[in-house]
Protein backbone atom coordinates (compact mmCIF):
# COMPACT_ATOMS: atom_id res chain seq x y z
CA UNK A 1 0.11 0.25 19.40
CA UNK A 2 1.71 -2.67 17.67
CA UNK A 3 1.87 -2.25 13.75
CA UNK A 4 2.92 -4.70 11.11
CA UNK A 5 4.32 -3.87 7.64
CA UNK A 6 4.57 -5.30 4.47
CA UNK A 7 4.76 -4.45 0.61
CA UNK A 8 5.13 -5.77 -2.92
CA UNK A 9 8.15 -4.02 -3.65
CA UNK A 10 10.40 -6.73 -1.90
CA UNK A 11 11.77 -6.48 1.80
CA UNK A 12 14.83 -4.62 0.45
CA UNK A 13 13.17 -1.60 -1.73
CA UNK A 14 13.00 1.67 -0.34
CA UNK A 15 9.40 2.39 0.04
CA UNK A 16 9.69 -0.02 2.98
CA UNK A 17 12.07 2.11 5.05
CA UNK A 18 9.33 5.20 4.17
CA UNK A 19 6.87 3.04 5.69
CA UNK A 20 8.84 2.04 8.45
CA UNK A 21 9.87 5.07 9.75
CA UNK A 22 5.89 6.20 9.23
CA UNK A 23 4.84 3.56 11.45
CA UNK A 24 7.26 3.85 14.32
CA UNK A 25 5.98 7.54 14.16
CA UNK A 26 2.39 6.38 14.56
CA UNK A 27 3.78 3.40 17.31
CA UNK A 28 5.86 5.73 18.87
CA UNK A 29 8.39 4.89 21.83
CA UNK A 30 6.00 2.07 23.34
CA UNK A 31 4.96 0.66 20.73
CA UNK A 32 6.62 -1.70 18.01
CA UNK A 33 7.12 -2.51 14.32
CA UNK A 34 6.74 -5.70 12.78
CA UNK A 35 8.01 -6.07 8.95
CA UNK A 36 6.70 -9.59 7.37
CA UNK A 37 7.52 -8.43 3.37
CA UNK A 38 8.28 -10.47 0.39
CA UNK A 39 11.54 -11.96 0.08
CA UNK A 40 11.62 -10.94 -3.73
CA UNK A 41 9.19 -8.36 -5.87
CA UNK A 42 5.91 -9.19 -5.74
CA UNK A 43 4.20 -6.26 -8.26
CA UNK A 44 0.96 -6.81 -9.86
CA UNK A 45 0.36 -10.01 -7.70
CA UNK A 46 -3.25 -8.71 -6.69
CA UNK A 47 -4.66 -10.71 -3.50
CA UNK A 48 -3.11 -13.57 -4.54
CA UNK A 49 -2.17 -16.68 -1.43
CA UNK A 50 0.27 -19.67 -2.47
CA UNK A 51 -2.26 -21.60 -1.86
CA UNK A 52 -0.66 -25.28 -3.81
CA UNK A 53 2.95 -24.77 -2.03
CA UNK A 54 4.53 -23.80 0.96
CA UNK A 55 6.05 -19.96 1.70
CA UNK A 56 9.38 -20.48 3.46
CA UNK A 57 9.61 -17.58 6.05
CA UNK A 58 13.24 -16.18 7.38
CA UNK A 59 14.07 -13.63 10.33
CA UNK A 60 16.23 -11.40 9.36
CA UNK A 61 16.59 -9.73 12.49
CA UNK A 62 14.09 -8.64 15.47
CA UNK A 63 10.77 -8.15 14.58
CA UNK A 64 11.94 -8.26 10.75
CA UNK A 65 10.94 -11.46 8.48
CA UNK A 66 10.78 -12.11 5.10
CA UNK A 67 8.79 -15.11 3.28
CA UNK A 68 9.24 -16.58 -0.31
CA UNK A 69 5.77 -15.30 -0.94
CA UNK A 70 3.10 -12.53 -2.00
CA UNK A 71 2.14 -9.93 0.30
CA UNK A 72 -1.47 -11.50 1.48
CA UNK A 73 0.84 -14.76 2.40
CA UNK A 74 2.32 -12.07 4.54
CA UNK A 75 -0.23 -10.68 6.49
CA UNK A 76 -1.30 -14.34 6.92
CA UNK A 77 2.37 -15.80 8.04
CA UNK A 78 2.30 -12.76 10.37
CA UNK A 79 -1.37 -12.97 11.88
CA UNK A 80 -1.38 -16.61 12.06
CA UNK A 81 2.95 -17.55 13.02
CA UNK A 82 5.07 -14.61 13.11
CA UNK A 83 2.56 -12.75 15.70
CA UNK A 84 0.45 -15.45 16.72
CA UNK A 85 0.68 -14.85 20.36
CA UNK A 86 0.84 -10.44 19.94
CA UNK A 87 -1.29 -9.69 16.73
CA UNK A 88 -1.53 -6.29 15.21
CA UNK A 89 -3.08 -3.73 15.90
CA UNK A 90 -2.94 -2.03 12.49
CA UNK A 91 -1.51 -2.99 9.15
CA UNK A 92 0.10 -0.74 6.68
CA UNK A 93 1.43 -1.99 3.17
CA UNK A 94 3.66 0.41 0.95
CA UNK A 95 4.82 2.65 0.10
CA UNK A 96 4.19 1.24 -2.99
CA UNK A 97 6.61 2.38 -6.14
CA UNK A 98 4.48 3.89 -8.49
CA UNK A 99 0.55 4.83 -7.58
CA UNK A 100 -2.14 2.44 -7.35
CA UNK A 101 -5.19 5.18 -7.93
CA UNK A 102 -7.85 3.50 -10.24
CA UNK A 103 -7.68 0.21 -12.02
CA UNK A 104 -4.08 -0.57 -11.05
CA UNK A 105 -5.98 -1.12 -7.57
CA UNK A 106 -6.73 -4.50 -8.91
CA UNK A 107 -3.67 -5.18 -9.76
CA UNK A 108 -1.79 -4.10 -7.13
CA UNK A 109 -0.01 -6.53 -4.56
CA UNK A 110 0.15 -3.72 -2.00
CA UNK A 111 -3.84 -3.47 -1.97
CA UNK A 112 -3.64 -7.33 -1.90
CA UNK A 113 -2.09 -7.32 1.62
CA UNK A 114 -4.44 -4.77 3.09
CA UNK A 115 -7.53 -7.01 1.52
CA UNK A 116 -6.26 -10.07 3.35
CA UNK A 117 -6.29 -7.52 6.88
CA UNK A 118 -9.38 -6.87 6.52
CA UNK A 119 -10.50 -9.97 5.87
CA UNK A 120 -8.47 -11.20 9.03
CA UNK A 121 -10.70 -8.34 11.05
CA UNK A 122 -7.37 -5.70 11.35
CA UNK A 123 -7.66 -2.21 10.24
CA UNK A 124 -5.73 -1.81 6.99
CA UNK A 125 -4.01 1.62 5.16
CA UNK A 126 -2.25 1.32 1.54
CA UNK A 127 -0.05 3.77 0.93
CA UNK A 128 1.12 4.24 -2.43
CA UNK A 129 3.66 7.35 -4.57
CA UNK A 130 2.54 8.52 -7.49
CA UNK A 131 5.68 8.47 -10.21
CA UNK A 132 5.79 12.02 -12.60
CA UNK A 133 8.58 14.22 -13.76
CA UNK A 134 8.34 16.37 -10.97
CA UNK A 135 9.63 13.74 -8.27
CA UNK A 136 10.79 10.83 -10.66
CA UNK A 137 14.24 12.35 -10.29
CA UNK A 138 14.41 14.18 -6.40
CA UNK A 139 16.93 12.35 -4.28
CA UNK A 140 13.76 10.77 -2.70
CA UNK A 141 11.05 10.29 -5.07
CA UNK A 142 9.03 9.18 -1.92
CA UNK A 143 9.60 12.46 -0.24
CA UNK A 144 5.79 13.44 -0.31
CA UNK A 145 4.71 10.29 1.37
CA UNK A 146 7.64 10.08 4.21
CA UNK A 147 6.65 13.87 4.87
CA UNK A 148 2.85 13.43 4.85
CA UNK A 149 2.33 10.13 5.32
CA UNK A 150 1.68 9.89 9.31
CA UNK A 151 -0.38 12.99 9.65
CA UNK A 152 -2.64 11.31 7.05
CA UNK A 153 -2.41 8.05 9.08
CA UNK A 154 -3.51 9.92 12.15
CA UNK A 155 -6.68 11.05 11.07
CA UNK A 156 -7.92 7.97 8.96
CA UNK A 157 -7.20 6.20 12.47
CA UNK A 158 -9.27 9.12 14.45
CA UNK A 159 -11.90 9.12 12.24
CA UNK A 160 -11.57 6.07 10.22
CA UNK A 161 -14.35 3.81 9.94
CA UNK A 162 -13.61 -0.07 10.53
CA UNK A 163 -17.10 -1.44 10.59
CA UNK A 164 -16.73 -5.14 12.22
CA UNK A 165 -18.79 -6.79 9.23
CA UNK A 166 -18.22 -9.57 6.80
CA UNK A 167 -15.58 -7.26 4.44
CA UNK A 168 -14.18 -4.42 6.50
CA UNK A 169 -13.69 -1.45 5.45
CA UNK A 170 -10.08 -0.56 4.52
CA UNK A 171 -7.87 2.62 3.15
CA UNK A 172 -5.99 3.32 -0.41
CA UNK A 173 -3.70 6.29 -0.35
CA UNK A 174 -1.96 7.70 -2.69
CA UNK A 175 0.54 10.29 -2.58
CA UNK A 176 0.53 12.97 -6.06
CA UNK A 177 3.72 12.64 -8.32
CA UNK A 178 5.26 15.83 -6.53
CA UNK A 179 7.78 16.76 -4.20
CA UNK A 180 6.50 17.24 -0.46
CA UNK A 181 6.17 20.91 -0.71
CA UNK A 182 3.72 20.46 -3.75
CA UNK A 183 1.35 18.81 -2.36
CA UNK A 184 -1.62 21.07 -2.02
CA UNK A 185 -3.40 19.21 0.38
CA UNK A 186 -5.60 15.83 0.98
CA UNK A 187 -8.85 14.94 -0.92
CA UNK A 188 -11.60 11.75 -0.24
CA UNK A 189 -12.38 10.23 -3.24
CA UNK A 190 -13.55 7.40 -5.41
CA UNK A 191 -12.28 4.87 -6.93
CA UNK A 192 -11.54 6.49 -10.48
CA UNK A 193 -10.65 4.58 -14.13
CA UNK A 194 -8.58 5.70 -16.74
CA UNK A 195 -10.35 5.52 -19.92
CA UNK A 196 -9.00 4.91 -23.37
CA UNK A 197 -5.91 2.72 -22.06
CA UNK A 198 -5.37 -0.25 -19.82
CA UNK A 199 -2.79 -3.00 -19.67
CA UNK A 200 -1.80 -5.09 -22.40
CA UNK A 201 1.45 -6.78 -23.84
CA UNK A 202 4.46 -6.45 -25.95
CA UNK A 203 5.87 -9.23 -27.55
CA UNK A 204 10.05 -9.83 -27.99
CA UNK A 205 11.89 -12.39 -29.20
CA UNK A 206 15.20 -13.83 -27.08
CA UNK A 207 18.65 -13.96 -28.32
CA UNK A 208 17.64 -17.84 -28.85
CA UNK A 209 14.31 -17.00 -31.02
CA UNK A 210 12.13 -17.73 -28.20
CA UNK A 211 9.03 -15.69 -28.45
CA UNK A 212 8.28 -13.90 -24.82
CA UNK A 213 5.14 -11.36 -23.85
CA UNK A 214 6.04 -8.37 -21.36
CA UNK A 215 3.30 -6.71 -19.81
CA UNK A 216 2.96 -3.12 -20.42
CA UNK A 217 1.12 -0.83 -17.89
CA UNK A 218 -1.61 2.03 -19.24
CA UNK A 219 -0.76 5.67 -19.25
CA UNK A 220 -0.49 6.80 -15.90
CA UNK A 221 -1.30 10.52 -16.93
CA UNK A 222 -4.45 10.26 -18.12
CA UNK A 223 -6.87 11.62 -15.37
CA UNK A 224 -9.92 10.30 -13.62
CA UNK A 225 -13.53 11.56 -13.72
CA UNK A 226 -13.44 14.28 -10.55
CA UNK A 227 -13.47 13.43 -7.40
CA UNK A 228 -12.08 10.34 -8.08
CA UNK A 229 -7.97 9.61 -6.90
CA UNK A 230 -6.00 9.72 -10.11
CA UNK A 231 -7.63 13.23 -10.87
CA UNK A 232 -6.45 14.20 -7.47
CA UNK A 233 -3.28 12.84 -7.71
CA UNK A 234 -2.28 14.61 -10.65
CA UNK A 235 -3.85 17.73 -9.61
CA UNK A 236 -1.16 17.89 -6.92
CA UNK A 237 -3.57 16.29 -4.15
CA UNK A 238 -3.03 13.15 -1.45
CA UNK A 239 -6.56 11.12 -2.13
CA UNK A 240 -7.52 8.35 0.70
CA UNK A 241 -10.43 6.04 -0.73
CA UNK A 242 -12.16 3.97 1.42
CA UNK A 243 -13.01 0.50 -0.06
CA UNK A 244 -14.25 -3.13 0.68
CA UNK A 245 -13.49 -6.24 -0.73
CA UNK A 246 -17.11 -7.01 -1.71
CA UNK A 247 -17.29 -7.05 -5.65
CA UNK A 248 -21.25 -7.36 -5.79
CA UNK A 249 -22.17 -4.91 -8.33
CA UNK A 250 -25.39 -3.83 -6.08
CA UNK A 251 -26.70 -1.27 -8.67
CA UNK A 252 -27.73 -4.36 -10.52
CA UNK A 253 -29.31 -6.86 -8.11
CA UNK A 254 -32.91 -5.28 -8.48
CA UNK A 255 -33.30 -5.14 -12.64
CA UNK A 256 -31.46 -9.49 -11.86
CA UNK A 257 -33.69 -10.14 -9.50
CA UNK A 258 -36.77 -9.11 -11.21
CA UNK A 259 -35.67 -11.30 -14.72
CA UNK A 260 -34.60 -13.93 -12.64
CA UNK A 261 -37.24 -14.22 -10.15
């Protein structure tokens, strides 16, 4: 198997080393692991592509490239340039430093990479590590992802659906904020929503008196509804959520058609 790995934390991020080990385990001794990751951190860029300016790409070593662009740019670079003669069988994105559960999905560059992979017709899985007091200060904060990641990927590959449709399925995996031993199991979940919190901005003045705004994330300790991702994660479970990039509100179509037609 030929696997492409990428992320949104950058080519030197510790989580990329974790997903590289996972990919090597899955690919096996006869497989290949290719890396095309952002040269610099690209957290929060979602499914951004560098449509209006070029992306510089540099080869750092065998099958290892850094691109001055977004995670989605990295997937495009891999499929249409770096790996054009040997396309990937699977794209793994992560392991993200922080969760991509609930509404975080919509902001995540980690997710943006697998959306692009799915649009390009390649099976794709995003992997993220929730952070909390039980794992933030461990010697290896990615311990849960590192210990359980390969098993999760194998199970998704064995039973996962990769429908050959316009908007193909991709998978969002989040590891709970615990040690490896603290993981209680795995739950297949929906995407949740953290009620009562959201992203916001906080103004600051620079020493020169100029006003700047820092974006602040919402409270990540708020659980989502039963059966959804962040609830499972905060309860100690790995969440696996099948997703599509189709944003149509299908439940509203009938009523809206009746109004207009």
